N, C-alpha and C. Protein backbone atom coordinates (compact mmCIF):
# COMPACT_ATOMS: atom_id res chain seq x y z
N UNK A 1 126.62 101.95 86.12
CA UNK A 1 126.31 101.14 85.04
C UNK A 1 127.26 99.88 84.92
N UNK A 2 128.64 100.17 85.21
CA UNK A 2 129.62 99.09 84.93
C UNK A 2 129.20 97.98 86.10
N UNK A 3 128.77 98.36 87.29
CA UNK A 3 128.47 97.25 88.34
C UNK A 3 127.41 96.50 87.96
N UNK A 4 126.24 97.07 87.30
CA UNK A 4 125.13 96.32 86.94
C UNK A 4 125.40 95.63 85.70
N UNK A 5 126.33 96.17 84.69
CA UNK A 5 126.77 95.30 83.44
C UNK A 5 127.39 94.01 84.13
N UNK A 6 128.22 94.10 84.91
CA UNK A 6 129.05 92.93 85.58
C UNK A 6 127.99 91.78 86.06
N UNK A 7 126.85 92.30 86.87
CA UNK A 7 125.94 91.35 87.34
C UNK A 7 125.42 90.62 86.15
N UNK A 8 124.94 91.44 85.20
CA UNK A 8 124.34 90.87 84.05
C UNK A 8 125.19 89.81 83.23
N UNK A 9 126.49 90.10 83.15
CA UNK A 9 127.34 89.24 82.52
C UNK A 9 127.60 88.00 83.25
N UNK A 10 127.50 88.00 84.44
CA UNK A 10 127.45 86.88 85.37
C UNK A 10 126.07 86.11 85.49
N UNK A 11 125.10 86.62 84.85
CA UNK A 11 123.83 86.15 84.97
C UNK A 11 123.23 86.17 86.50
N UNK A 12 123.73 87.12 87.20
CA UNK A 12 123.26 87.39 88.68
C UNK A 12 122.44 88.46 88.66
N UNK A 13 121.68 88.38 89.82
CA UNK A 13 120.77 89.66 90.15
C UNK A 13 121.48 90.32 91.26
N UNK A 14 121.51 91.74 91.08
CA UNK A 14 122.21 92.39 92.12
C UNK A 14 121.38 92.35 93.41
N UNK A 15 122.31 92.59 94.45
CA UNK A 15 121.36 92.64 95.89
C UNK A 15 120.28 93.81 95.86
N UNK A 16 119.18 93.29 96.68
CA UNK A 16 117.99 94.39 96.65
C UNK A 16 118.51 95.75 97.09
N UNK A 17 119.30 95.87 98.19
CA UNK A 17 119.58 97.19 98.59
C UNK A 17 120.49 97.93 97.47
N UNK A 18 121.28 97.42 96.73
CA UNK A 18 121.91 97.97 95.68
C UNK A 18 120.93 98.44 94.51
N UNK A 19 120.06 97.57 94.29
CA UNK A 19 118.98 97.87 93.20
C UNK A 19 118.31 99.14 93.63
N UNK A 20 117.88 99.18 95.02
CA UNK A 20 117.18 100.23 95.50
C UNK A 20 117.88 101.40 95.41
N UNK A 21 119.20 101.50 95.54
CA UNK A 21 120.05 102.58 95.54
C UNK A 21 120.16 103.19 94.17
N UNK A 22 120.35 102.28 93.27
CA UNK A 22 120.57 102.89 91.89
C UNK A 22 119.03 103.21 91.35
N UNK A 23 118.09 102.60 91.83
CA UNK A 23 116.75 103.17 91.34
C UNK A 23 116.37 104.58 91.87
N UNK A 24 116.78 104.72 93.11
CA UNK A 24 116.51 106.09 93.73
C UNK A 24 117.45 107.20 93.20
N UNK A 25 118.73 106.66 92.78
CA UNK A 25 119.69 107.61 92.17
C UNK A 25 119.16 108.06 90.73
N UNK A 26 118.61 107.05 89.89
CA UNK A 26 118.26 107.24 88.64
C UNK A 26 116.92 108.09 88.59
N UNK A 27 116.15 107.99 89.58
CA UNK A 27 114.79 108.60 89.69
C UNK A 27 115.19 110.31 89.97
N UNK A 28 116.20 110.24 90.85
CA UNK A 28 116.69 111.87 90.99
C UNK A 28 117.17 112.36 89.89
N UNK A 29 117.54 111.85 88.66
CA UNK A 29 117.95 112.56 87.50
C UNK A 29 116.74 113.61 87.04
N UNK A 30 115.63 112.91 87.09
CA UNK A 30 114.43 113.65 86.23
C UNK A 30 114.01 114.73 87.19
N UNK A 31 114.32 114.61 88.41
CA UNK A 31 113.73 115.57 89.46
C UNK A 31 114.80 116.89 89.21
N UNK A 32 116.18 116.43 89.35
CA UNK A 32 117.15 117.45 89.01
C UNK A 32 117.00 118.16 87.80
N UNK A 33 116.79 117.58 86.66
CA UNK A 33 116.69 118.11 85.40
C UNK A 33 115.51 119.06 85.52
N UNK A 34 114.39 118.73 86.18
CA UNK A 34 113.18 119.59 86.25
C UNK A 34 113.36 120.71 86.98
N UNK A 35 114.20 120.88 88.14
CA UNK A 35 114.74 121.87 88.78
C UNK A 35 115.40 122.84 88.09
N UNK A 36 116.54 122.26 87.37
CA UNK A 36 117.32 123.30 86.53
C UNK A 36 116.79 123.70 85.45
N UNK A 37 115.79 122.98 84.72
CA UNK A 37 115.08 123.53 83.55
C UNK A 37 114.29 124.65 84.05
N UNK A 38 113.57 124.54 85.15
CA UNK A 38 112.83 125.73 85.53
C UNK A 38 113.53 126.84 85.97
N UNK A 39 114.81 126.71 86.52
CA UNK A 39 115.62 127.96 86.71
C UNK A 39 116.02 128.64 85.41
N UNK A 40 116.44 127.63 84.31
CA UNK A 40 116.63 128.13 83.13
C UNK A 40 115.63 128.99 82.48
N UNK A 41 114.31 128.46 82.54
CA UNK A 41 113.17 129.02 82.08
C UNK A 41 113.00 130.44 82.65
N UNK A 42 113.12 130.46 83.99
CA UNK A 42 112.94 131.83 84.97
C UNK A 42 114.02 132.72 84.29
N UNK A 43 115.21 132.35 84.03
CA UNK A 43 116.36 133.21 83.69
C UNK A 43 116.19 133.67 82.22
N UNK A 44 115.35 133.06 81.48
CA UNK A 44 115.16 133.46 80.07
C UNK A 44 114.21 134.55 79.96
N UNK A 45 113.38 134.90 80.98
CA UNK A 45 112.68 136.16 81.10
C UNK A 45 111.48 135.90 80.16
N UNK A 46 110.82 136.93 79.62
CA UNK A 46 109.59 136.90 78.92
C UNK A 46 109.91 136.11 77.57
N UNK A 47 111.14 136.12 77.01
CA UNK A 47 111.50 135.53 75.62
C UNK A 47 111.18 134.05 75.82
N UNK A 48 111.42 133.33 76.95
CA UNK A 48 111.09 132.07 77.05
C UNK A 48 109.69 131.57 76.79
N UNK A 49 108.71 132.44 76.88
CA UNK A 49 107.39 131.94 76.75
C UNK A 49 106.96 131.92 75.20
N UNK A 50 107.66 132.55 74.32
CA UNK A 50 107.22 132.56 72.95
C UNK A 50 107.54 131.36 72.14
N UNK A 51 106.59 130.81 71.35
CA UNK A 51 106.67 129.65 70.55
C UNK A 51 108.11 129.32 69.71
N UNK A 52 108.59 130.60 69.42
CA UNK A 52 109.82 130.53 68.80
C UNK A 52 111.02 130.17 69.35
N UNK A 53 110.87 130.07 70.72
CA UNK A 53 111.95 129.69 71.71
C UNK A 53 111.67 128.15 72.19
N UNK A 54 112.70 127.37 72.26
CA UNK A 54 112.56 126.07 72.80
C UNK A 54 112.45 125.82 74.16
N UNK A 55 112.43 126.88 74.98
CA UNK A 55 112.61 126.74 76.50
C UNK A 55 111.08 126.06 76.91
N UNK A 56 110.01 126.63 76.52
CA UNK A 56 108.81 126.21 77.07
C UNK A 56 108.47 124.57 76.67
N UNK A 57 108.86 124.28 75.56
CA UNK A 57 108.47 123.04 75.17
C UNK A 57 109.49 121.91 75.81
N UNK A 58 110.87 122.39 75.89
CA UNK A 58 111.70 121.51 76.71
C UNK A 58 111.33 121.28 78.08
N UNK A 59 110.87 122.40 78.83
CA UNK A 59 110.44 122.33 80.13
C UNK A 59 109.34 121.52 80.30
N UNK A 60 108.21 121.51 79.37
CA UNK A 60 107.10 120.77 79.50
C UNK A 60 107.51 119.36 79.34
N UNK A 61 108.46 119.04 78.41
CA UNK A 61 108.77 117.73 78.08
C UNK A 61 109.42 117.02 79.27
N UNK A 62 110.28 117.84 79.83
CA UNK A 62 110.92 117.52 80.99
C UNK A 62 110.12 117.17 82.18
N UNK A 63 109.19 118.12 82.53
CA UNK A 63 108.15 117.77 83.56
C UNK A 63 107.22 116.73 83.16
N UNK A 64 106.89 116.43 82.01
CA UNK A 64 106.16 115.20 81.68
C UNK A 64 106.99 114.05 81.99
N UNK A 65 108.26 113.87 81.74
CA UNK A 65 109.24 112.73 82.09
C UNK A 65 109.19 112.66 83.71
N UNK A 66 109.18 113.61 84.50
CA UNK A 66 109.27 113.91 85.80
C UNK A 66 108.06 112.97 86.52
N UNK A 67 106.96 113.04 85.57
CA UNK A 67 105.73 112.50 86.27
C UNK A 67 105.49 111.05 86.09
N UNK A 68 106.57 110.35 85.23
CA UNK A 68 106.46 108.84 85.33
C UNK A 68 106.82 108.17 86.59
N UNK A 69 106.01 107.10 86.88
CA UNK A 69 106.18 106.59 88.20
C UNK A 69 107.74 106.15 88.44
N UNK A 70 108.55 105.64 87.47
CA UNK A 70 109.91 105.51 87.68
C UNK A 70 110.78 106.61 88.01
N UNK A 71 110.35 107.92 87.78
CA UNK A 71 110.89 109.02 88.28
C UNK A 71 110.32 109.65 89.61
N UNK A 72 109.57 108.90 90.25
CA UNK A 72 108.94 109.62 91.40
C UNK A 72 109.97 109.31 92.61
N UNK A 73 111.05 110.22 92.70
CA UNK A 73 111.93 109.83 93.73
C UNK A 73 111.61 109.63 95.12
N UNK A 74 110.36 110.48 95.46
CA UNK A 74 110.05 110.35 96.86
C UNK A 74 109.43 109.09 97.19
N UNK A 75 108.75 108.37 96.30
CA UNK A 75 108.34 107.07 96.34
C UNK A 75 109.34 106.03 96.55
N UNK A 76 110.23 106.04 95.63
CA UNK A 76 111.46 105.12 95.53
C UNK A 76 112.36 105.38 96.87
N UNK A 77 112.45 106.80 97.19
CA UNK A 77 113.36 107.03 98.29
C UNK A 77 112.82 106.56 99.63
N UNK A 78 111.51 106.60 99.80
CA UNK A 78 110.90 106.26 101.14
C UNK A 78 111.21 104.65 101.15
N UNK A 79 111.09 103.99 100.19
CA UNK A 79 111.45 102.35 100.24
C UNK A 79 112.78 102.21 100.51
N UNK A 80 113.58 102.91 99.75
CA UNK A 80 115.05 102.84 99.92
C UNK A 80 115.38 103.05 101.40
N UNK A 81 114.92 104.24 101.96
CA UNK A 81 115.25 104.66 103.24
C UNK A 81 114.76 103.57 104.38
N UNK A 82 113.66 103.10 104.05
CA UNK A 82 113.09 101.83 105.07
C UNK A 82 114.12 100.79 104.99
N UNK A 83 114.64 100.38 103.96
CA UNK A 83 115.65 99.27 103.79
C UNK A 83 116.94 99.71 104.55
N UNK A 84 117.46 100.93 104.32
CA UNK A 84 118.55 101.36 104.93
C UNK A 84 118.52 101.26 106.41
N UNK A 85 117.32 101.70 106.86
CA UNK A 85 117.11 101.70 108.31
C UNK A 85 116.82 100.39 109.04
N UNK A 86 116.65 99.42 108.26
CA UNK A 86 116.55 97.92 108.69
C UNK A 86 115.08 97.46 108.58
N UNK A 87 114.16 98.35 107.95
CA UNK A 87 112.91 97.88 107.88
C UNK A 87 112.44 97.03 106.71
N UNK A 88 111.29 96.67 106.63
CA UNK A 88 110.93 95.99 105.29
C UNK A 88 110.39 96.58 104.28
N UNK A 89 110.90 96.77 103.06
CA UNK A 89 110.25 97.45 102.12
C UNK A 89 109.07 97.12 101.52
N UNK A 90 108.17 97.92 101.11
CA UNK A 90 106.85 97.63 100.67
C UNK A 90 107.07 96.60 99.41
N UNK A 91 106.20 95.45 99.31
CA UNK A 91 106.44 94.57 98.22
C UNK A 91 106.37 95.12 96.84
N UNK A 92 105.21 96.00 96.70
CA UNK A 92 105.17 96.46 95.36
C UNK A 92 106.18 97.40 94.95
N UNK A 93 107.13 97.83 95.73
CA UNK A 93 108.12 98.73 95.44
C UNK A 93 109.57 98.07 95.52
N UNK A 94 109.57 96.86 95.71
CA UNK A 94 110.92 96.32 96.04
C UNK A 94 111.78 96.36 94.88
N UNK A 95 111.21 96.13 93.60
CA UNK A 95 112.04 96.15 92.44
C UNK A 95 111.69 97.22 91.58
């Protein structure tokens, strides 16, 4: 975030490749949280399915966040990978 903050302070736009890298990395956060929350839910056993426990609601909320277009790391990652390999990223996914 410090790097992006510095670009903002200078009123500059970060290079496209850096933007794509950060976008991919931030999209991976929701995916990783969903993976780990699912593991926690499984480890809670049957107790996790009862309304008195927060596990089910938390997992549902995390999975809902994972569905947002900004958190689709596969889509963002494909475009980032194309750029890394020297290709031209899809226009609608550049930023």
